[in-house]
Amino acid sequence: MEQPEEQRHVRRLVSSLRARGGVGALSAECLGEVPEVDGVVLSVLAAGAGEVMLSDSGPFADQVEDQHSRSGQGPHLDATATGDVVLADDLGAPAARSRWPLFAPEMSAAGVNSIFAFPVSIDGLPVGILSLHRGAAGPLSAAGQARARRYSEAAAVLLGDHATGGATGGVVLPVYAGELQQAVGIIMEMGGVDAATALHRMRAYARHSSRPMREVVAEVRTCRLPFDPTAAT
């Protein structure tokens, strides 16, 4: 059971983040508090659209999200399935490659060798992931883990500040999750592909054209497509 002092830390953190922009500020704040990692991503889970990034800071965020979606493997998926923290210290190690044979080699090749996934849970149900990643292999310190847990708990509170009336799995999710789901559905219909492929094509276009994913989603939803959704990527 969480101690009163820790609860006070989380409440103070939530208040501070609300004053700085809420969910959007969380990743940069967390990265500043856990400088031993290279990047931090906060994602929520949306049916039919996989993980939806709400906040990211540092490199490789899009590649990490995309490879989880494409491979159907990885620390994020294990963390959301179990509700437990997953600490992948070395994605190049035989144990990691045996556990995630499609995911781990691709991440190592991209320059990401450790990922630490902390579930963001509401009423005991994982609704998102706070993920910390790093180019170098090696464990996350005890202090880093404690701070990441605190930020994951703050994220659960902040999700309620950025919610709409629609629900996924009984949990209310931010507006952008629904917008991405709609865009994924449009690409699925136009390209005759599944949800993972549709999401990958949008992410790949955004990455290759150096455009924000939100802009690409908006253009897909309004049928102002900047790319060919039927083309293989």
C-alpha atoms as a PDB file:
ATOM      1  CA  MET A   1       0.000   0.000   0.000  1.00  0.00           C
ATOM      2  CA  GLU A   2       1.319   3.430  -0.924  1.00  0.00           C
ATOM      3  CA  GLN A   3       2.657   5.418   2.030  1.00  0.00           C
ATOM      4  CA  PRO A   4       1.186   8.843   2.977  1.00  0.00           C
ATOM      5  CA  GLU A   5       4.489  10.588   2.242  1.00  0.00           C
ATOM      6  CA  GLU A   6       4.579   9.122  -1.251  1.00  0.00           C
ATOM      7  CA  GLN A   7       0.974  10.175  -1.783  1.00  0.00           C
ATOM      8  CA  ARG A   8       1.943  13.728  -0.847  1.00  0.00           C
ATOM      9  CA  HIS A   9       4.819  13.606  -3.360  1.00  0.00           C
ATOM     10  CA  VAL A  10       2.414  12.521  -6.102  1.00  0.00           C
ATOM     11  CA  ARG A  11      -0.110  15.238  -5.223  1.00  0.00           C
ATOM     12  CA  ARG A  12       2.594  17.901  -5.335  1.00  0.00           C
ATOM     13  CA  LEU A  13       3.832  16.549  -8.651  1.00  0.00           C
ATOM     14  CA  VAL A  14       0.319  16.603 -10.123  1.00  0.00           C
ATOM     15  CA  SER A  15      -0.166  20.216  -9.014  1.00  0.00           C
ATOM     16  CA  SER A  16       3.171  21.205 -10.513  1.00  0.00           C
ATOM     17  CA  LEU A  17       2.426  19.484 -13.815  1.00  0.00           C
ATOM     18  CA  ARG A  18      -1.036  21.031 -14.060  1.00  0.00           C
ATOM     19  CA  ALA A  19       0.565  24.452 -13.722  1.00  0.00           C
ATOM     20  CA  ARG A  20       3.004  23.608 -16.541  1.00  0.00           C
ATOM     21  CA  GLY A  21       0.543  22.165 -19.038  1.00  0.00           C
ATOM     22  CA  GLY A  22      -0.587  18.842 -17.580  1.00  0.00           C
ATOM     23  CA  VAL A  23      -0.055  15.675 -19.591  1.00  0.00           C
ATOM     24  CA  GLY A  24       1.849  17.515 -22.327  1.00  0.00           C
ATOM     25  CA  ALA A  25       4.564  18.561 -19.892  1.00  0.00           C
ATOM     26  CA  LEU A  26       4.997  15.209 -18.188  1.00  0.00           C
ATOM     27  CA  SER A  27       7.631  13.563 -20.385  1.00  0.00           C
ATOM     28  CA  ALA A  28      10.021  16.500 -20.368  1.00  0.00           C
ATOM     29  CA  GLU A  29       9.630  16.899 -16.613  1.00  0.00           C
ATOM     30  CA  CYS A  30      10.241  13.180 -16.052  1.00  0.00           C
ATOM     31  CA  LEU A  31      13.315  13.218 -18.298  1.00  0.00           C
ATOM     32  CA  GLY A  32      14.718  16.075 -16.260  1.00  0.00           C
ATOM     33  CA  GLU A  33      14.204  14.069 -13.068  1.00  0.00           C
ATOM     34  CA  VAL A  34      15.662  10.847 -14.509  1.00  0.00           C
ATOM     35  CA  PRO A  35      18.689  12.075 -16.495  1.00  0.00           C
ATOM     36  CA  GLU A  36      20.133   8.563 -16.763  1.00  0.00           C
ATOM     37  CA  VAL A  37      17.743   7.849 -19.653  1.00  0.00           C
ATOM     38  CA  ASP A  38      17.663   9.424 -23.120  1.00  0.00           C
ATOM     39  CA  GLY A  39      13.919   9.703 -23.673  1.00  0.00           C
ATOM     40  CA  VAL A  40      10.504   9.444 -22.029  1.00  0.00           C
ATOM     41  CA  VAL A  41       7.126   8.747 -23.633  1.00  0.00           C
ATOM     42  CA  LEU A  42       3.622   8.789 -22.176  1.00  0.00           C
ATOM     43  CA  SER A  43       1.087   6.804 -24.208  1.00  0.00           C
ATOM     44  CA  VAL A  44      -2.512   5.752 -23.738  1.00  0.00           C
ATOM     45  CA  LEU A  45      -4.151   2.635 -25.134  1.00  0.00           C
ATOM     46  CA  ALA A  46      -6.894   3.100 -27.701  1.00  0.00           C
ATOM     47  CA  ALA A  47      -8.862   0.224 -29.172  1.00  0.00           C
ATOM     48  CA  GLY A  48      -8.129  -0.109 -32.867  1.00  0.00           C
ATOM     49  CA  ALA A  49      -5.260   2.403 -32.741  1.00  0.00           C
ATOM     50  CA  GLY A  50      -2.747   0.795 -30.411  1.00  0.00           C
ATOM     51  CA  GLU A  51      -0.688   3.162 -28.309  1.00  0.00           C
ATOM     52  CA  VAL A  52      -1.303   6.886 -28.715  1.00  0.00           C
ATOM     53  CA  MET A  53       1.526   9.192 -27.676  1.00  0.00           C
ATOM     54  CA  LEU A  54       0.365  12.101 -25.545  1.00  0.00           C
ATOM     55  CA  SER A  55       3.763  13.370 -24.485  1.00  0.00           C
ATOM     56  CA  ASP A  56       7.328  12.605 -25.520  1.00  0.00           C
ATOM     57  CA  SER A  57      10.781  13.966 -24.889  1.00  0.00           C
ATOM     58  CA  GLY A  58      14.077  12.827 -26.353  1.00  0.00           C
ATOM     59  CA  PRO A  59      14.860  10.657 -29.385  1.00  0.00           C
ATOM     60  CA  PHE A  60      13.355   7.436 -30.761  1.00  0.00           C
ATOM     61  CA  ALA A  61       9.859   7.827 -29.282  1.00  0.00           C
ATOM     62  CA  ASP A  62       8.091   7.168 -32.579  1.00  0.00           C
ATOM     63  CA  GLN A  63      10.283   4.181 -33.444  1.00  0.00           C
ATOM     64  CA  VAL A  64       9.634   2.601 -30.048  1.00  0.00           C
ATOM     65  CA  GLU A  65       5.868   3.034 -30.400  1.00  0.00           C
ATOM     66  CA  ASP A  66       5.812   1.873 -34.007  1.00  0.00           C
ATOM     67  CA  GLN A  67       7.835  -1.271 -33.401  1.00  0.00           C
ATOM     68  CA  HIS A  68       5.582  -2.312 -30.527  1.00  0.00           C
ATOM     69  CA  SER A  69       2.592  -1.918 -32.841  1.00  0.00           C
ATOM     70  CA  ARG A  70       4.146  -3.691 -35.820  1.00  0.00           C
ATOM     71  CA  SER A  71       5.694  -6.620 -33.954  1.00  0.00           C
ATOM     72  CA  GLY A  72       2.960  -7.166 -31.381  1.00  0.00           C
ATOM     73  CA  GLN A  73       5.743  -7.623 -28.833  1.00  0.00           C
ATOM     74  CA  GLY A  74       7.776  -5.614 -26.374  1.00  0.00           C
ATOM     75  CA  PRO A  75       7.962  -4.261 -22.834  1.00  0.00           C
ATOM     76  CA  HIS A  76       4.961  -1.961 -23.324  1.00  0.00           C
ATOM     77  CA  LEU A  77       2.627  -4.793 -24.270  1.00  0.00           C
ATOM     78  CA  ASP A  78       3.855  -7.024 -21.461  1.00  0.00           C
ATOM     79  CA  ALA A  79       3.423  -4.200 -18.942  1.00  0.00           C
ATOM     80  CA  THR A  80      -0.145  -3.481 -20.028  1.00  0.00           C
ATOM     81  CA  ALA A  81      -1.029  -7.183 -20.104  1.00  0.00           C
ATOM     82  CA  THR A  82       0.238  -7.838 -16.569  1.00  0.00           C
ATOM     83  CA  GLY A  83      -0.078  -4.431 -14.917  1.00  0.00           C
ATOM     84  CA  ASP A  84       3.517  -4.835 -13.744  1.00  0.00           C
ATOM     85  CA  VAL A  85       6.620  -2.767 -14.451  1.00  0.00           C
ATOM     86  CA  VAL A  86       8.808  -4.314 -17.166  1.00  0.00           C
ATOM     87  CA  LEU A  87      12.504  -3.443 -17.041  1.00  0.00           C
ATOM     88  CA  ALA A  88      14.306  -4.436 -20.249  1.00  0.00           C
ATOM     89  CA  ASP A  89      17.919  -3.708 -19.303  1.00  0.00           C
ATOM     90  CA  ASP A  90      19.545  -5.027 -22.477  1.00  0.00           C
ATOM     91  CA  LEU A  91      17.562  -5.614 -25.662  1.00  0.00           C
ATOM     92  CA  GLY A  92      20.659  -7.075 -27.287  1.00  0.00           C
ATOM     93  CA  ALA A  93      20.944  -9.856 -24.714  1.00  0.00           C
ATOM     94  CA  PRO A  94      19.876 -13.430 -25.622  1.00  0.00           C
ATOM     95  CA  ALA A  95      17.122 -13.380 -22.976  1.00  0.00           C
ATOM     96  CA  ALA A  96      15.518 -10.268 -24.462  1.00  0.00           C
ATOM     97  CA  ARG A  97      15.774 -11.603 -28.009  1.00  0.00           C
ATOM     98  CA  SER A  98      14.198 -14.865 -26.917  1.00  0.00           C
ATOM     99  CA  ARG A  99      11.355 -13.049 -25.159  1.00  0.00           C
ATOM    100  CA  TRP A 100      10.769 -10.510 -27.964  1.00  0.00           C
ATOM    101  CA  PRO A 101      12.303 -12.067 -31.115  1.00  0.00           C
ATOM    102  CA  LEU A 102      10.745  -9.533 -33.502  1.00  0.00           C
ATOM    103  CA  PHE A 103      10.944  -6.454 -31.312  1.00  0.00           C
ATOM    104  CA  ALA A 104      14.324  -6.607 -29.573  1.00  0.00           C
ATOM    105  CA  PRO A 105      16.633  -6.897 -32.623  1.00  0.00           C
ATOM    106  CA  GLU A 106      14.880  -4.042 -34.413  1.00  0.00           C
ATOM    107  CA  MET A 107      15.189  -1.757 -31.397  1.00  0.00           C
ATOM    108  CA  SER A 108      18.875  -2.588 -30.932  1.00  0.00           C
ATOM    109  CA  ALA A 109      19.483  -1.896 -34.612  1.00  0.00           C
ATOM    110  CA  ALA A 110      17.736   1.467 -34.246  1.00  0.00           C
ATOM    111  CA  GLY A 111      19.991   2.382 -31.321  1.00  0.00           C
ATOM    112  CA  VAL A 112      17.676   1.652 -28.379  1.00  0.00           C
ATOM    113  CA  ASN A 113      19.100  -0.963 -26.013  1.00  0.00           C
ATOM    114  CA  SER A 114      17.056  -0.525 -22.848  1.00  0.00           C
ATOM    115  CA  ILE A 115      13.372   0.238 -22.245  1.00  0.00           C
ATOM    116  CA  PHE A 116      11.672   0.594 -18.880  1.00  0.00           C
ATOM    117  CA  ALA A 117       7.859   0.401 -19.041  1.00  0.00           C
ATOM    118  CA  PHE A 118       5.680   1.597 -16.149  1.00  0.00           C
ATOM    119  CA  PRO A 119       1.928   0.951 -16.429  1.00  0.00           C
ATOM    120  CA  VAL A 120      -0.412   3.904 -15.954  1.00  0.00           C
ATOM    121  CA  SER A 121      -3.413   2.397 -14.189  1.00  0.00           C
ATOM    122  CA  ILE A 122      -6.837   3.683 -13.208  1.00  0.00           C
ATOM    123  CA  ASP A 123      -8.838   1.574 -10.749  1.00  0.00           C
ATOM    124  CA  GLY A 124      -6.336  -1.237 -11.241  1.00  0.00           C
ATOM    125  CA  LEU A 125      -6.741  -1.284 -15.030  1.00  0.00           C
ATOM    126  CA  PRO A 126      -3.712  -0.329 -17.175  1.00  0.00           C
ATOM    127  CA  VAL A 127      -4.801   2.434 -19.555  1.00  0.00           C
ATOM    128  CA  GLY A 128      -1.390   3.614 -20.688  1.00  0.00           C
ATOM    129  CA  ILE A 129       2.363   3.366 -20.368  1.00  0.00           C
ATOM    130  CA  LEU A 130       5.082   5.655 -19.137  1.00  0.00           C
ATOM    131  CA  SER A 131       8.154   4.454 -20.991  1.00  0.00           C
ATOM    132  CA  LEU A 132      11.764   5.460 -20.441  1.00  0.00           C
ATOM    133  CA  HIS A 133      14.345   4.440 -23.032  1.00  0.00           C
ATOM    134  CA  ARG A 134      18.084   4.700 -23.520  1.00  0.00           C
ATOM    135  CA  GLY A 135      20.696   3.964 -26.136  1.00  0.00           C
ATOM    136  CA  ALA A 136      23.013   2.232 -23.683  1.00  0.00           C
ATOM    137  CA  ALA A 137      22.205  -1.097 -22.079  1.00  0.00           C
ATOM    138  CA  GLY A 138      22.085  -1.343 -18.305  1.00  0.00           C
ATOM    139  CA  PRO A 139      19.665  -1.241 -15.376  1.00  0.00           C
ATOM    140  CA  LEU A 140      17.641   1.726 -14.248  1.00  0.00           C
ATOM    141  CA  SER A 141      18.750   2.871 -10.803  1.00  0.00           C
ATOM    142  CA  ALA A 142      16.510   2.458  -7.767  1.00  0.00           C
ATOM    143  CA  ALA A 143      16.118   6.236  -7.596  1.00  0.00           C
ATOM    144  CA  GLY A 144      15.195   6.348 -11.282  1.00  0.00           C
ATOM    145  CA  GLN A 145      12.603   3.628 -10.796  1.00  0.00           C
ATOM    146  CA  ALA A 146      11.066   5.434  -7.824  1.00  0.00           C
ATOM    147  CA  ARG A 147      10.781   8.684  -9.772  1.00  0.00           C
ATOM    148  CA  ALA A 148       9.327   6.942 -12.813  1.00  0.00           C
ATOM    149  CA  ARG A 149       6.693   5.239 -10.649  1.00  0.00           C
ATOM    150  CA  ARG A 150       5.764   8.609  -9.192  1.00  0.00           C
ATOM    151  CA  TYR A 151       5.333  10.090 -12.656  1.00  0.00           C
ATOM    152  CA  SER A 152       3.240   7.114 -13.797  1.00  0.00           C
ATOM    153  CA  GLU A 153       0.912   7.679 -10.831  1.00  0.00           C
ATOM    154  CA  ALA A 154       0.729  11.383 -11.621  1.00  0.00           C
ATOM    155  CA  ALA A 155      -0.086  10.508 -15.241  1.00  0.00           C
ATOM    156  CA  ALA A 156      -3.100   8.473 -14.126  1.00  0.00           C
ATOM    157  CA  VAL A 157      -4.464  11.511 -12.291  1.00  0.00           C
ATOM    158  CA  LEU A 158      -3.724  13.866 -15.184  1.00  0.00           C
ATOM    159  CA  LEU A 159      -5.523  11.682 -17.717  1.00  0.00           C
ATOM    160  CA  GLY A 160      -8.740  12.702 -16.001  1.00  0.00           C
ATOM    161  CA  ASP A 161      -7.913  16.329 -16.773  1.00  0.00           C
ATOM    162  CA  HIS A 162      -7.725  15.657 -20.525  1.00  0.00           C
ATOM    163  CA  ALA A 163     -10.679  13.379 -21.057  1.00  0.00           C
ATOM    164  CA  THR A 164     -13.808  13.387 -23.159  1.00  0.00           C
ATOM    165  CA  GLY A 165     -17.095  11.564 -22.792  1.00  0.00           C
ATOM    166  CA  GLY A 166     -16.232   8.533 -24.931  1.00  0.00           C
ATOM    167  CA  ALA A 167     -14.812   5.467 -23.254  1.00  0.00           C
ATOM    168  CA  THR A 168     -12.599   2.555 -24.254  1.00  0.00           C
ATOM    169  CA  GLY A 169     -12.804  -0.534 -22.083  1.00  0.00           C
ATOM    170  CA  GLY A 170     -14.782   1.444 -19.532  1.00  0.00           C
ATOM    171  CA  VAL A 171     -12.000   4.017 -19.111  1.00  0.00           C
ATOM    172  CA  VAL A 172     -12.305   7.558 -20.408  1.00  0.00           C
ATOM    173  CA  LEU A 173      -9.500   8.531 -22.778  1.00  0.00           C
ATOM    174  CA  PRO A 174      -8.268  11.859 -24.183  1.00  0.00           C
ATOM    175  CA  VAL A 175      -9.822  13.389 -27.286  1.00  0.00           C
ATOM    176  CA  TYR A 176      -6.760  12.686 -29.455  1.00  0.00           C
ATOM    177  CA  ALA A 177      -7.120   8.934 -28.934  1.00  0.00           C
ATOM    178  CA  GLY A 178     -10.528   9.032 -30.612  1.00  0.00           C
ATOM    179  CA  GLU A 179      -9.207  11.167 -33.454  1.00  0.00           C
ATOM    180  CA  LEU A 180      -6.391   8.706 -34.108  1.00  0.00           C
ATOM    181  CA  GLN A 181      -8.818   5.795 -34.042  1.00  0.00           C
ATOM    182  CA  GLN A 182     -10.897   7.541 -36.715  1.00  0.00           C
ATOM    183  CA  ALA A 183      -7.829   8.185 -38.891  1.00  0.00           C
ATOM    184  CA  VAL A 184      -6.721   4.565 -38.532  1.00  0.00           C
ATOM    185  CA  GLY A 185     -10.158   3.419 -39.653  1.00  0.00           C
ATOM    186  CA  ILE A 186     -10.000   5.629 -42.758  1.00  0.00           C
ATOM    187  CA  ILE A 187      -6.592   4.240 -43.759  1.00  0.00           C
ATOM    188  CA  MET A 188      -7.790   0.684 -43.115  1.00  0.00           C
ATOM    189  CA  GLU A 189     -10.726   1.183 -45.473  1.00  0.00           C
ATOM    190  CA  MET A 190      -8.762   2.987 -48.187  1.00  0.00           C
ATOM    191  CA  GLY A 191      -5.721   0.736 -48.094  1.00  0.00           C
ATOM    192  CA  GLY A 192      -7.397  -2.558 -47.259  1.00  0.00           C
ATOM    193  CA  VAL A 193      -5.012  -3.112 -44.354  1.00  0.00           C
ATOM    194  CA  ASP A 194      -5.252  -3.939 -40.663  1.00  0.00           C
ATOM    195  CA  ALA A 195      -5.034  -1.392 -37.850  1.00  0.00           C
ATOM    196  CA  ALA A 196      -1.339  -1.967 -37.086  1.00  0.00           C
ATOM    197  CA  THR A 197      -0.364  -1.416 -40.730  1.00  0.00           C
ATOM    198  CA  ALA A 198      -2.565   1.681 -41.031  1.00  0.00           C
ATOM    199  CA  LEU A 199      -0.990   3.197 -37.930  1.00  0.00           C
ATOM    200  CA  HIS A 200       2.501   2.332 -39.144  1.00  0.00           C
ATOM    201  CA  ARG A 201       1.907   4.045 -42.483  1.00  0.00           C
ATOM    202  CA  MET A 202       0.823   7.257 -40.798  1.00  0.00           C
ATOM    203  CA  ARG A 203       3.742   7.151 -38.375  1.00  0.00           C
ATOM    204  CA  ALA A 204       6.208   6.393 -41.170  1.00  0.00           C
ATOM    205  CA  TYR A 205       4.931   9.308 -43.219  1.00  0.00           C
ATOM    206  CA  ALA A 206       5.118  11.661 -40.242  1.00  0.00           C
ATOM    207  CA  ARG A 207       8.667  10.519 -39.461  1.00  0.00           C
ATOM    208  CA  HIS A 208       9.987  10.662 -43.037  1.00  0.00           C
ATOM    209  CA  SER A 209       8.417  14.058 -43.731  1.00  0.00           C
ATOM    210  CA  SER A 210       9.384  15.479 -40.310  1.00  0.00           C
ATOM    211  CA  ARG A 211       5.786  16.412 -39.597  1.00  0.00           C
ATOM    212  CA  PRO A 212       3.926  16.150 -36.284  1.00  0.00           C
ATOM    213  CA  MET A 213       1.722  13.080 -36.079  1.00  0.00           C
ATOM    214  CA  ARG A 214      -1.212  15.239 -35.005  1.00  0.00           C
ATOM    215  CA  GLU A 215      -1.056  17.139 -38.316  1.00  0.00           C
ATOM    216  CA  VAL A 216      -1.060  13.901 -40.300  1.00  0.00           C
ATOM    217  CA  VAL A 217      -4.023  12.563 -38.295  1.00  0.00           C
ATOM    218  CA  ALA A 218      -5.957  15.799 -38.866  1.00  0.00           C
ATOM    219  CA  GLU A 219      -5.359  15.671 -42.624  1.00  0.00           C
ATOM    220  CA  VAL A 220      -6.428  12.036 -42.838  1.00  0.00           C
ATOM    221  CA  ARG A 221      -9.613  12.768 -40.887  1.00  0.00           C
ATOM    222  CA  THR A 222     -10.512  15.675 -43.179  1.00  0.00           C
ATOM    223  CA  CYS A 223      -9.603  13.677 -46.310  1.00  0.00           C
ATOM    224  CA  ARG A 224      -6.678  15.979 -47.183  1.00  0.00           C
ATOM    225  CA  LEU A 225      -4.307  13.043 -47.517  1.00  0.00           C
ATOM    226  CA  PRO A 226      -0.640  14.060 -47.953  1.00  0.00           C
ATOM    227  CA  PHE A 227       0.402  10.506 -48.867  1.00  0.00           C
ATOM    228  CA  ASP A 228      -0.913   7.393 -50.593  1.00  0.00           C
ATOM    229  CA  PRO A 229      -2.467   5.157 -47.911  1.00  0.00           C
ATOM    230  CA  THR A 230      -2.612   2.221 -50.308  1.00  0.00           C
ATOM    231  CA  ALA A 231       1.166   2.145 -50.802  1.00  0.00           C
ATOM    232  CA  ALA A 232       3.288  -0.301 -48.863  1.00  0.00           C
ATOM    233  CA  THR A 233       5.726   1.251 -46.405  1.00  0.00           C
END
